[in-house]
Amino acid sequence: MTSAAHYGQLLQLSDGLLGAHHTLLLVARGRLAHVMTVSGAQRSCANALPLWRSHLAATRRCCPPNWPHLLPCLRGGRDAAARAGDSTAAAEFEAELHRVLDVLKPKCLDVTGGPG
């Protein structure tokens, strides 16, 4: 969890110095959310949800509505919500994930999340 502490500290130190959608903050939020989600702990996953939402909102500002860059944010948010026991949020992330995948129509399994 050293990386979580590092990214958390980076977000605290940048408060008020960088714009809310600065790339450095986007990367730090995404990495912190990822570390918290992969821990699998219910509380960590619940705390990661606002980070996933913020990361997704910032990513949406940078790319078209159905863009591959949204997939990691949507999958991370879905996984964090499911592990946190928030079925409503998990369903919202899952629905948007399916919407984006339906538009992209990817064939490779690493994008679709299939076996492999």
Foldseek 3Di string as FASTA:
>chain_A
DVLLVVLVVVVVVCVPPDDLLDPSNLVSLLVNLQVLLVVLALVSLVVNLVSLVSSLVSVCVVDPLQDLVNQSSLVSNLSSCVSNVNVVSNVVSVVSNVVSCVVVVDDDCVSVVDDD
